[in-house]
Structure formats: C-alpha cells, structure tokens
PDB file of N, CA and C in Angstrom:
ATOM      1  N   UNK A   1      17.098   3.102   4.458  1.00  0.00           N
ATOM      2  CA  UNK A   1      15.696   2.828   4.631  1.00  0.00           C
ATOM      3  C   UNK A   1      15.399   1.483   3.992  1.00  0.00           C
ATOM      4  N   UNK A   2      14.608   0.672   4.674  1.00  0.00           N
ATOM      5  CA  UNK A   2      14.216  -0.639   4.181  1.00  0.00           C
ATOM      6  C   UNK A   2      13.131  -0.418   3.131  1.00  0.00           C
ATOM      7  N   UNK A   3      13.400  -0.781   1.906  1.00  0.00           N
ATOM      8  CA  UNK A   3      12.518  -0.402   0.803  1.00  0.00           C
ATOM      9  C   UNK A   3      11.134  -1.038   0.868  1.00  0.00           C
ATOM     10  N   UNK A   4      11.038  -2.290   1.303  1.00  0.00           N
ATOM     11  CA  UNK A   4       9.714  -2.918   1.387  1.00  0.00           C
ATOM     12  C   UNK A   4       8.804  -2.113   2.314  1.00  0.00           C
ATOM     13  N   UNK A   5       9.340  -1.676   3.446  1.00  0.00           N
ATOM     14  CA  UNK A   5       8.538  -0.881   4.393  1.00  0.00           C
ATOM     15  C   UNK A   5       8.096   0.439   3.776  1.00  0.00           C
ATOM     16  N   UNK A   6       8.913   1.003   2.924  1.00  0.00           N
ATOM     17  CA  UNK A   6       8.550   2.264   2.267  1.00  0.00           C
ATOM     18  C   UNK A   6       7.389   2.062   1.307  1.00  0.00           C
ATOM     19  N   UNK A   7       7.386   0.928   0.584  1.00  0.00           N
ATOM     20  CA  UNK A   7       6.242   0.615  -0.274  1.00  0.00           C
ATOM     21  C   UNK A   7       4.993   0.377   0.575  1.00  0.00           C
ATOM     22  N   UNK A   8       5.167  -0.285   1.723  1.00  0.00           N
ATOM     23  CA  UNK A   8       4.030  -0.513   2.622  1.00  0.00           C
ATOM     24  C   UNK A   8       3.475   0.806   3.139  1.00  0.00           C
ATOM     25  N   UNK A   9       4.339   1.792   3.344  1.00  0.00           N
ATOM     26  CA  UNK A   9       3.872   3.112   3.767  1.00  0.00           C
ATOM     27  C   UNK A   9       3.003   3.734   2.672  1.00  0.00           C
ATOM     28  N   UNK A  10       3.416   3.574   1.423  1.00  0.00           N
ATOM     29  CA  UNK A  10       2.599   4.075   0.315  1.00  0.00           C
ATOM     30  C   UNK A  10       1.230   3.392   0.310  1.00  0.00           C
ATOM     31  N   UNK A  11       1.212   2.084   0.589  1.00  0.00           N
ATOM     32  CA  UNK A  11      -0.063   1.367   0.694  1.00  0.00           C
ATOM     33  C   UNK A  11      -0.923   1.961   1.812  1.00  0.00           C
ATOM     34  N   UNK A  12      -0.309   2.220   2.960  1.00  0.00           N
ATOM     35  CA  UNK A  12      -1.041   2.781   4.094  1.00  0.00           C
ATOM     36  C   UNK A  12      -1.610   4.160   3.744  1.00  0.00           C
ATOM     37  N   UNK A  13      -0.819   4.992   3.079  1.00  0.00           N
ATOM     38  CA  UNK A  13      -1.324   6.297   2.644  1.00  0.00           C
ATOM     39  C   UNK A  13      -2.566   6.114   1.770  1.00  0.00           C
ATOM     40  N   UNK A  14      -2.491   5.182   0.839  1.00  0.00           N
ATOM     41  CA  UNK A  14      -3.620   4.936  -0.063  1.00  0.00           C
ATOM     42  C   UNK A  14      -4.849   4.475   0.721  1.00  0.00           C
ATOM     43  N   UNK A  15      -4.647   3.585   1.676  1.00  0.00           N
ATOM     44  CA  UNK A  15      -5.770   3.043   2.439  1.00  0.00           C
ATOM     45  C   UNK A  15      -6.485   4.094   3.278  1.00  0.00           C
ATOM     46  N   UNK A  16      -5.775   5.133   3.699  1.00  0.00           N
ATOM     47  CA  UNK A  16      -6.429   6.177   4.497  1.00  0.00           C
ATOM     48  C   UNK A  16      -6.849   7.377   3.647  1.00  0.00           C
ATOM     49  N   UNK A  17      -6.738   7.213   2.321  1.00  0.00           N
ATOM     50  CA  UNK A  17      -7.224   8.251   1.424  1.00  0.00           C
ATOM     51  C   UNK A  17      -6.221   9.320   1.042  1.00  0.00           C
ATOM     52  N   UNK A  18      -4.965   9.158   1.427  1.00  0.00           N
ATOM     53  CA  UNK A  18      -3.936  10.135   1.063  1.00  0.00           C
ATOM     54  C   UNK A  18      -3.278   9.694  -0.250  1.00  0.00           C
ATOM     55  N   UNK A  19      -4.088   9.652  -1.311  1.00  0.00           N
ATOM     56  CA  UNK A  19      -3.636   9.133  -2.594  1.00  0.00           C
ATOM     57  C   UNK A  19      -2.497   9.933  -3.206  1.00  0.00           C
ATOM     58  N   UNK A  20      -2.514  11.244  -3.068  1.00  0.00           N
ATOM     59  CA  UNK A  20      -1.424  12.055  -3.637  1.00  0.00           C
ATOM     60  C   UNK A  20      -0.099  11.711  -2.954  1.00  0.00           C
ATOM     61  N   UNK A  21      -0.120  11.545  -1.634  1.00  0.00           N
ATOM     62  CA  UNK A  21       1.089  11.158  -0.904  1.00  0.00           C
ATOM     63  C   UNK A  21       1.539   9.757  -1.304  1.00  0.00           C
ATOM     64  N   UNK A  22       0.579   8.854  -1.471  1.00  0.00           N
ATOM     65  CA  UNK A  22       0.897   7.482  -1.859  1.00  0.00           C
ATOM     66  C   UNK A  22       1.572   7.445  -3.223  1.00  0.00           C
ATOM     67  N   UNK A  23       1.015   8.164  -4.172  1.00  0.00           N
ATOM     68  CA  UNK A  23       1.586   8.172  -5.525  1.00  0.00           C
ATOM     69  C   UNK A  23       2.938   8.861  -5.558  1.00  0.00           C
ATOM     70  N   UNK A  24       3.089   9.941  -4.813  1.00  0.00           N
ATOM     71  CA  UNK A  24       4.382  10.643  -4.771  1.00  0.00           C
ATOM     72  C   UNK A  24       5.461   9.753  -4.171  1.00  0.00           C
ATOM     73  N   UNK A  25       5.144   9.055  -3.086  1.00  0.00           N
ATOM     74  CA  UNK A  25       6.119   8.152  -2.482  1.00  0.00           C
ATOM     75  C   UNK A  25       6.440   7.008  -3.422  1.00  0.00           C
ATOM     76  N   UNK A  26       5.426   6.437  -4.063  1.00  0.00           N
ATOM     77  CA  UNK A  26       5.649   5.349  -5.013  1.00  0.00           C
ATOM     78  C   UNK A  26       6.581   5.801  -6.142  1.00  0.00           C
ATOM     79  N   UNK A  27       6.323   6.963  -6.696  1.00  0.00           N
ATOM     80  CA  UNK A  27       7.178   7.473  -7.776  1.00  0.00           C
ATOM     81  C   UNK A  27       8.602   7.717  -7.291  1.00  0.00           C
ATOM     82  N   UNK A  28       8.751   8.219  -6.089  1.00  0.00           N
ATOM     83  CA  UNK A  28      10.098   8.419  -5.515  1.00  0.00           C
ATOM     84  C   UNK A  28      10.820   7.088  -5.367  1.00  0.00           C
ATOM     85  N   UNK A  29      10.125   6.083  -4.874  1.00  0.00           N
ATOM     86  CA  UNK A  29      10.733   4.763  -4.720  1.00  0.00           C
ATOM     87  C   UNK A  29      11.091   4.154  -6.074  1.00  0.00           C
ATOM     88  N   UNK A  30      10.248   4.347  -7.058  1.00  0.00           N
ATOM     89  CA  UNK A  30      10.538   3.832  -8.403  1.00  0.00           C
ATOM     90  C   UNK A  30      11.783   4.491  -8.986  1.00  0.00           C
ATOM     91  N   UNK A  31      12.044   5.734  -8.611  1.00  0.00           N
ATOM     92  CA  UNK A  31      13.224   6.429  -9.130  1.00  0.00           C
ATOM     93  C   UNK A  31      14.519   5.854  -8.552  1.00  0.00           C
ATOM     94  N   UNK A  32      14.410   5.028  -7.510  1.00  0.00           N
ATOM     95  CA  UNK A  32      15.594   4.431  -6.896  1.00  0.00           C
ATOM     96  C   UNK A  32      16.071   3.176  -7.622  1.00  0.00           C
ATOM     97  N   UNK A  33      15.249   2.637  -8.512  1.00  0.00           N
ATOM     98  CA  UNK A  33      15.640   1.430  -9.257  1.00  0.00           C
ATOM     99  C   UNK A  33      16.914   1.696 -10.059  1.00  0.00           C
ATOM    100  N   UNK A  34      17.716   0.643 -10.232  1.00  0.00           N
ATOM    101  CA  UNK A  34      18.927   0.817 -11.049  1.00  0.00           C
ATOM    102  C   UNK A  34      18.568   0.844 -12.537  1.00  0.00           C
ATOM    103  N   UNK A  35      19.566   0.829 -13.391  1.00  0.00           N
ATOM    104  CA  UNK A  35      19.334   0.981 -14.828  1.00  0.00           C
ATOM    105  C   UNK A  35      18.531  -0.162 -15.453  1.00  0.00           C
ATOM    106  N   UNK A  36      18.449  -1.311 -14.824  1.00  0.00           N
ATOM    107  CA  UNK A  36      17.642  -2.407 -15.348  1.00  0.00           C
ATOM    108  C   UNK A  36      16.398  -2.663 -14.478  1.00  0.00           C
ATOM    109  N   UNK A  37      16.060  -1.718 -13.602  1.00  0.00           N
ATOM    110  CA  UNK A  37      14.833  -1.776 -12.826  1.00  0.00           C
ATOM    111  C   UNK A  37      14.879  -2.610 -11.565  1.00  0.00           C
ATOM    112  N   UNK A  38      16.078  -2.908 -11.059  1.00  0.00           N
ATOM    113  CA  UNK A  38      16.191  -3.733  -9.860  1.00  0.00           C
ATOM    114  C   UNK A  38      16.418  -2.884  -8.618  1.00  0.00           C
ATOM    115  N   UNK A  39      15.995  -3.443  -7.493  1.00  0.00           N
ATOM    116  CA  UNK A  39      16.167  -2.795  -6.192  1.00  0.00           C
ATOM    117  C   UNK A  39      16.955  -3.703  -5.265  1.00  0.00           C
ATOM    118  N   UNK A  40      17.658  -3.090  -4.352  1.00  0.00           N
ATOM    119  CA  UNK A  40      18.307  -3.854  -3.289  1.00  0.00           C
ATOM    120  C   UNK A  40      17.384  -3.860  -2.082  1.00  0.00           C
ATOM    121  N   UNK A  41      17.886  -4.410  -1.000  1.00  0.00           N
ATOM    122  CA  UNK A  41      17.115  -4.502   0.232  1.00  0.00           C
ATOM    123  C   UNK A  41      16.856  -3.129   0.853  1.00  0.00           C
ATOM    124  N   UNK A  42      17.850  -2.272   0.778  1.00  0.00           N
ATOM    125  CA  UNK A  42      17.774  -0.970   1.433  1.00  0.00           C
ATOM    126  C   UNK A  42      18.308   0.129   0.520  1.00  0.00           C
ATOM    127  N   UNK A  43      18.018   1.352   0.932  1.00  0.00           N
ATOM    128  CA  UNK A  43      18.553   2.535   0.256  1.00  0.00           C
ATOM    129  C   UNK A  43      19.198   3.414   1.313  1.00  0.00           C
ATOM    130  N   UNK A  44      20.444   3.784   1.093  1.00  0.00           N
ATOM    131  CA  UNK A  44      21.160   4.662   2.019  1.00  0.00           C
ATOM    132  C   UNK A  44      20.928   6.098   1.585  1.00  0.00           C
ATOM    133  N   UNK A  45      20.113   6.801   2.346  1.00  0.00           N
ATOM    134  CA  UNK A  45      19.754   8.180   2.006  1.00  0.00           C
ATOM    135  C   UNK A  45      20.981   9.086   2.040  1.00  0.00           C
ATOM    136  N   UNK A  46      21.875   8.860   3.009  1.00  0.00           N
ATOM    137  CA  UNK A  46      23.073   9.689   3.141  1.00  0.00           C
ATOM    138  C   UNK A  46      23.986   9.617   1.934  1.00  0.00           C
ATOM    139  N   UNK A  47      24.234   8.392   1.449  1.00  0.00           N
ATOM    140  CA  UNK A  47      25.138   8.240   0.300  1.00  0.00           C
ATOM    141  C   UNK A  47      24.384   8.234  -1.028  1.00  0.00           C
ATOM    142  N   UNK A  48      23.055   8.132  -0.959  1.00  0.00           N
ATOM    143  CA  UNK A  48      22.259   8.163  -2.181  1.00  0.00           C
ATOM    144  C   UNK A  48      22.452   6.937  -3.057  1.00  0.00           C
ATOM    145  N   UNK A  49      22.560   5.747  -2.409  1.00  0.00           N
ATOM    146  CA  UNK A  49      22.750   4.545  -3.222  1.00  0.00           C
ATOM    147  C   UNK A  49      22.051   3.344  -2.591  1.00  0.00           C
ATOM    148  N   UNK A  50      21.806   2.352  -3.432  1.00  0.00           N
ATOM    149  CA  UNK A  50      21.216   1.102  -2.988  1.00  0.00           C
ATOM    150  C   UNK A  50      22.250   0.316  -2.194  1.00  0.00           C
ATOM    151  N   UNK A  51      21.848  -0.278  -1.088  1.00  0.00           N
ATOM    152  CA  UNK A  51      22.757  -1.060  -0.247  1.00  0.00           C
ATOM    153  C   UNK A  51      22.051  -2.339   0.210  1.00  0.00           C
ATOM    154  N   UNK A  52      22.807  -3.254   0.742  1.00  0.00           N
ATOM    155  CA  UNK A  52      22.249  -4.503   1.245  1.00  0.00           C
ATOM    156  C   UNK A  52      22.195  -5.551   0.155  1.00  0.00           C
ATOM    157  N   UNK A  53      21.437  -6.613   0.416  1.00  0.00           N
ATOM    158  CA  UNK A  53      21.320  -7.708  -0.543  1.00  0.00           C
ATOM    159  C   UNK A  53      20.783  -7.196  -1.869  1.00  0.00           C
ATOM    160  N   UNK A  54      21.391  -7.680  -2.941  1.00  0.00           N
ATOM    161  CA  UNK A  54      21.009  -7.190  -4.274  1.00  0.00           C
ATOM    162  C   UNK A  54      21.060  -8.325  -5.278  1.00  0.00           C
ATOM    163  N   UNK A  55      20.043  -8.479  -6.120  1.00  0.00           N
ATOM    164  CA  UNK A  55      18.700  -7.905  -5.972  1.00  0.00           C
ATOM    165  C   UNK A  55      17.950  -8.606  -4.843  1.00  0.00           C
ATOM    166  N   UNK A  56      16.979  -7.946  -4.320  1.00  0.00           N
ATOM    167  CA  UNK A  56      16.226  -8.465  -3.181  1.00  0.00           C
ATOM    168  C   UNK A  56      14.758  -8.623  -3.571  1.00  0.00           C
ATOM    169  N   UNK A  57      14.174  -9.770  -3.251  1.00  0.00           N
ATOM    170  CA  UNK A  57      12.782 -10.053  -3.642  1.00  0.00           C
ATOM    171  C   UNK A  57      11.767  -9.198  -2.884  1.00  0.00           C
ATOM    172  N   UNK A  58      12.002  -8.950  -1.587  1.00  0.00           N
ATOM    173  CA  UNK A  58      11.006  -8.237  -0.780  1.00  0.00           C
ATOM    174  C   UNK A  58      10.565  -6.909  -1.374  1.00  0.00           C
ATOM    175  N   UNK A  59      11.489  -6.015  -1.741  1.00  0.00           N
ATOM    176  CA  UNK A  59      11.001  -4.744  -2.300  1.00  0.00           C
ATOM    177  C   UNK A  59      10.315  -4.917  -3.647  1.00  0.00           C
ATOM    178  N   UNK A  60      10.716  -5.932  -4.416  1.00  0.00           N
ATOM    179  CA  UNK A  60      10.062  -6.140  -5.708  1.00  0.00           C
ATOM    180  C   UNK A  60       8.632  -6.631  -5.530  1.00  0.00           C
ATOM    181  N   UNK A  61       8.416  -7.510  -4.552  1.00  0.00           N
ATOM    182  CA  UNK A  61       7.055  -7.965  -4.254  1.00  0.00           C
ATOM    183  C   UNK A  61       6.219  -6.785  -3.756  1.00  0.00           C
ATOM    184  N   UNK A  62       6.794  -5.985  -2.867  1.00  0.00           N
ATOM    185  CA  UNK A  62       6.085  -4.811  -2.344  1.00  0.00           C
ATOM    186  C   UNK A  62       5.783  -3.826  -3.470  1.00  0.00           C
ATOM    187  N   UNK A  63       6.714  -3.644  -4.392  1.00  0.00           N
ATOM    188  CA  UNK A  63       6.519  -2.745  -5.533  1.00  0.00           C
ATOM    189  C   UNK A  63       5.319  -3.193  -6.356  1.00  0.00           C
ATOM    190  N   UNK A  64       5.263  -4.480  -6.689  1.00  0.00           N
ATOM    191  CA  UNK A  64       4.151  -5.000  -7.496  1.00  0.00           C
ATOM    192  C   UNK A  64       2.828  -4.838  -6.749  1.00  0.00           C
ATOM    193  N   UNK A  65       2.805  -5.173  -5.461  1.00  0.00           N
ATOM    194  CA  UNK A  65       1.580  -5.036  -4.674  1.00  0.00           C
ATOM    195  C   UNK A  65       1.117  -3.582  -4.586  1.00  0.00           C
ATOM    196  N   UNK A  66       2.050  -2.673  -4.367  1.00  0.00           N
ATOM    197  CA  UNK A  66       1.690  -1.256  -4.262  1.00  0.00           C
ATOM    198  C   UNK A  66       1.193  -0.723  -5.599  1.00  0.00           C
ATOM    199  N   UNK A  67       1.852  -1.098  -6.687  1.00  0.00           N
ATOM    200  CA  UNK A  67       1.387  -0.677  -8.013  1.00  0.00           C
ATOM    201  C   UNK A  67      -0.035  -1.168  -8.249  1.00  0.00           C
ATOM    202  N   UNK A  68      -0.291  -2.410  -7.872  1.00  0.00           N
ATOM    203  CA  UNK A  68      -1.638  -2.972  -8.011  1.00  0.00           C
ATOM    204  C   UNK A  68      -2.640  -2.187  -7.156  1.00  0.00           C
ATOM    205  N   UNK A  69      -2.286  -1.943  -5.910  1.00  0.00           N
ATOM    206  CA  UNK A  69      -3.192  -1.230  -5.004  1.00  0.00           C
ATOM    207  C   UNK A  69      -3.490   0.184  -5.486  1.00  0.00           C
ATOM    208  N   UNK A  70      -2.493   0.876  -6.005  1.00  0.00           N
ATOM    209  CA  UNK A  70      -2.690   2.263  -6.422  1.00  0.00           C
ATOM    210  C   UNK A  70      -3.531   2.383  -7.692  1.00  0.00           C
ATOM    211  N   UNK A  71      -3.675   1.292  -8.433  1.00  0.00           N
ATOM    212  CA  UNK A  71      -4.499   1.341  -9.644  1.00  0.00           C
ATOM    213  C   UNK A  71      -5.938   0.955  -9.371  1.00  0.00           C
ATOM    214  N   UNK A  72      -6.244   0.626  -8.136  1.00  0.00           N
ATOM    215  CA  UNK A  72      -7.601   0.236  -7.749  1.00  0.00           C
ATOM    216  C   UNK A  72      -8.247   1.361  -6.965  1.00  0.00           C
ATOM    217  N   UNK A  73      -9.488   1.659  -7.301  1.00  0.00           N
ATOM    218  CA  UNK A  73     -10.203   2.695  -6.573  1.00  0.00           C
ATOM    219  C   UNK A  73     -10.794   2.151  -5.280  1.00  0.00           C
ATOM    220  N   UNK A  74     -11.281   0.913  -5.314  1.00  0.00           N
ATOM    221  CA  UNK A  74     -11.885   0.305  -4.129  1.00  0.00           C
ATOM    222  C   UNK A  74     -10.802  -0.091  -3.141  1.00  0.00           C
ATOM    223  N   UNK A  75     -11.085   0.118  -1.888  1.00  0.00           N
ATOM    224  CA  UNK A  75     -10.191  -0.335  -0.826  1.00  0.00           C
ATOM    225  C   UNK A  75     -10.436  -1.828  -0.606  1.00  0.00           C
ATOM    226  N   UNK A  76      -9.491  -2.569  -0.057  1.00  0.00           N
ATOM    227  CA  UNK A  76      -9.667  -4.010   0.130  1.00  0.00           C
ATOM    228  C   UNK A  76     -10.943  -4.390   0.871  1.00  0.00           C
ATOM    229  N   UNK A  77     -11.316  -3.635   1.888  1.00  0.00           N
ATOM    230  CA  UNK A  77     -12.528  -3.981   2.639  1.00  0.00           C
ATOM    231  C   UNK A  77     -13.781  -3.835   1.782  1.00  0.00           C
ATOM    232  N   UNK A  78     -13.741  -2.956   0.789  1.00  0.00           N
ATOM    233  CA  UNK A  78     -14.890  -2.756  -0.088  1.00  0.00           C
ATOM    234  C   UNK A  78     -15.009  -3.866  -1.121  1.00  0.00           C
ATOM    235  N   UNK A  79     -13.940  -4.621  -1.328  1.00  0.00           N
ATOM    236  CA  UNK A  79     -13.944  -5.696  -2.309  1.00  0.00           C
ATOM    237  C   UNK A  79     -14.488  -7.000  -1.736  1.00  0.00           C
ATOM    238  N   UNK A  80     -14.654  -7.088  -0.429  1.00  0.00           N
ATOM    239  CA  UNK A  80     -15.076  -8.331   0.209  1.00  0.00           C
ATOM    240  C   UNK A  80     -16.592  -8.451   0.229  1.00  0.00           C
ATOM    241  N   UNK A  81     -17.186  -8.549  -0.937  1.00  0.00           N
ATOM    242  CA  UNK A  81     -18.611  -8.812  -1.020  1.00  0.00           C
ATOM    243  C   UNK A  81     -19.528  -7.669  -0.651  1.00  0.00           C
ATOM    244  N   UNK A  82     -19.024  -6.468  -0.579  1.00  0.00           N
ATOM    245  CA  UNK A  82     -19.876  -5.325  -0.286  1.00  0.00           C
ATOM    246  C   UNK A  82     -20.383  -5.268   1.139  1.00  0.00           C
ATOM    247  N   UNK A  83     -19.797  -6.052   2.038  1.00  0.00           N
ATOM    248  CA  UNK A  83     -20.257  -6.018   3.429  1.00  0.00           C
ATOM    249  C   UNK A  83     -19.625  -4.846   4.151  1.00  0.00           C
ATOM    250  N   UNK A  84     -20.407  -4.232   5.007  1.00  0.00           N
ATOM    251  CA  UNK A  84     -19.872  -3.132   5.810  1.00  0.00           C
ATOM    252  C   UNK A  84     -20.443  -3.216   7.213  1.00  0.00           C
ATOM    253  N   UNK A  85     -19.694  -2.690   8.139  1.00  0.00           N
ATOM    254  CA  UNK A  85     -20.143  -2.706   9.530  1.00  0.00           C
ATOM    255  C   UNK A  85     -21.213  -1.641   9.724  1.00  0.00           C
ATOM    256  N   UNK A  86     -22.296  -2.044  10.328  1.00  0.00           N
ATOM    257  CA  UNK A  86     -23.407  -1.130  10.580  1.00  0.00           C
ATOM    258  C   UNK A  86     -23.819  -1.287  12.040  1.00  0.00           C
ATOM    259  N   UNK A  87     -23.933  -0.171  12.771  1.00  0.00           N
ATOM    260  CA  UNK A  87     -24.381  -0.286  14.162  1.00  0.00           C
ATOM    261  C   UNK A  87     -25.775  -0.887  14.211  1.00  0.00           C
ATOM    262  N   UNK A  88     -25.984  -1.816  15.114  1.00  0.00           N
ATOM    263  CA  UNK A  88     -27.319  -2.408  15.270  1.00  0.00           C
ATOM    264  C   UNK A  88     -28.143  -1.525  16.196  1.00  0.00           C
ATOM    265  N   UNK A  89     -29.398  -1.851  16.324  1.00  0.00           N
ATOM    266  CA  UNK A  89     -30.273  -1.110  17.238  1.00  0.00           C
ATOM    267  C   UNK A  89     -29.746  -1.229  18.671  1.00  0.00           C
ATOM    268  N   UNK A  90     -29.147  -2.375  18.952  1.00  0.00           N
ATOM    269  CA  UNK A  90     -28.522  -2.615  20.249  1.00  0.00           C
ATOM    270  C   UNK A  90     -27.101  -2.060  20.148  1.00  0.00           C
ATOM    271  N   UNK A  91     -26.821  -0.936  20.784  1.00  0.00           N
ATOM    272  CA  UNK A  91     -25.549  -0.228  20.622  1.00  0.00           C
ATOM    273  C   UNK A  91     -24.329  -1.035  21.060  1.00  0.00           C
ATOM    274  N   UNK A  92     -24.545  -2.157  21.719  1.00  0.00           N
ATOM    275  CA  UNK A  92     -23.411  -2.960  22.186  1.00  0.00           C
ATOM    276  C   UNK A  92     -22.866  -3.873  21.107  1.00  0.00           C
ATOM    277  N   UNK A  93     -23.576  -3.985  19.975  1.00  0.00           N
ATOM    278  CA  UNK A  93     -23.139  -4.886  18.910  1.00  0.00           C
ATOM    279  C   UNK A  93     -23.048  -4.148  17.591  1.00  0.00           C
ATOM    280  N   UNK A  94     -22.212  -4.675  16.717  1.00  0.00           N
ATOM    281  CA  UNK A  94     -22.151  -4.213  15.340  1.00  0.00           C
ATOM    282  C   UNK A  94     -22.378  -5.436  14.477  1.00  0.00           C
ATOM    283  N   UNK A  95     -23.181  -5.284  13.435  1.00  0.00           N
ATOM    284  CA  UNK A  95     -23.460  -6.421  12.560  1.00  0.00           C
ATOM    285  C   UNK A  95     -22.948  -6.131  11.162  1.00  0.00           C
ATOM    286  N   UNK A  96     -22.645  -7.197  10.429  1.00  0.00           N
ATOM    287  CA  UNK A  96     -22.259  -7.059   9.026  1.00  0.00           C
ATOM    288  C   UNK A  96     -23.482  -7.305   8.172  1.00  0.00           C
ATOM    289  N   UNK A  97     -23.696  -6.415   7.222  1.00  0.00           N
ATOM    290  CA  UNK A  97     -24.833  -6.570   6.322  1.00  0.00           C
ATOM    291  C   UNK A  97     -24.369  -6.461   4.889  1.00  0.00           C
ATOM    292  N   UNK A  98     -25.117  -7.054   3.990  1.00  0.00           N
ATOM    293  CA  UNK A  98     -24.782  -6.998   2.566  1.00  0.00           C
ATOM    294  C   UNK A  98     -25.049  -5.571   2.082  1.00  0.00           C
ATOM    295  N   UNK A  99     -24.192  -5.038   1.161  1.00  0.00           N
ATOM    296  CA  UNK A  99     -24.259  -3.675   0.628  1.00  0.00           C
ATOM    297  C   UNK A  99     -25.638  -3.033   0.574  1.00  0.00           C
ATOM    298  N   UNK A 100     -25.724  -1.808   0.098  1.00  0.00           N
ATOM    299  CA  UNK A 100     -26.996  -1.106  -0.001  1.00  0.00           C
ATOM    300  C   UNK A 100     -27.136  -0.074   1.106  1.00  0.00           C
ATOM    301  N   UNK A 101     -28.299   0.583   1.118  1.00  0.00           N
ATOM    302  CA  UNK A 101     -28.568   1.611   2.136  1.00  0.00           C
ATOM    303  C   UNK A 101     -29.036   0.958   3.429  1.00  0.00           C
ATOM    304  N   UNK A 102     -28.647   1.550   4.549  1.00  0.00           N
ATOM    305  CA  UNK A 102     -28.991   1.005   5.854  1.00  0.00           C
ATOM    306  C   UNK A 102     -29.520   2.101   6.759  1.00  0.00           C
ATOM    307  N   UNK A 103     -30.395   1.727   7.665  1.00  0.00           N
ATOM    308  CA  UNK A 103     -30.943   2.681   8.638  1.00  0.00           C
ATOM    309  C   UNK A 103     -29.967   2.896   9.767  1.00  0.00           C
TER     310      UNK A 103
END
C-alpha cells in the first residue's frame, strides 16, 4: 500500500466527519514507522514490512499534514473567512455570504 495515499484517506475520513475512522487509520499508519520513526514509500501487507524507497518524503509530508488536520476541529472550508454557500432567492444561483445566520 502506498503510504501517502493511506494518510490522505485518513484526511478524507476526517473531512466527511468519520473522525474515529480517521484517528484509527492514522494510529495504524503510525505503528508502521521503524524504530527511529521513518517510513518508506510503501508497506507490504503480505510480508508485514516497509518496502520501496527508504526513507521517503511523501509519506512523511502526508503524516505531518494528517496530524495537523486531525488536531483541528474546523474543516478547511470553515477556515476560509467564515463564508458558506447559501441558496439565493433565485434557485438557479448560489451565493457566498459572510458567516452568521441566513434566511
């Protein structure tokens, strides 16, 4: 399994509100690190070992990003100035409005 993609899956779980699944996957991936905390490009599930380029930057970048994402309660779209899509009176359009209550 390509480890960066597995971290991205944890991010996706978090973004859709499946936080328990996201944290469980993240913890499982963290358990794959070697004795000094490094990851290779891939993990061979059959043999139970790290394979491919070692150490590899991609999974480490994904690890840091996922750790950051899992410690934040707000989703990325909620961090962009509080704007949210709100249906307009004209059902053919959607407008962005600054946070707060909307009709």
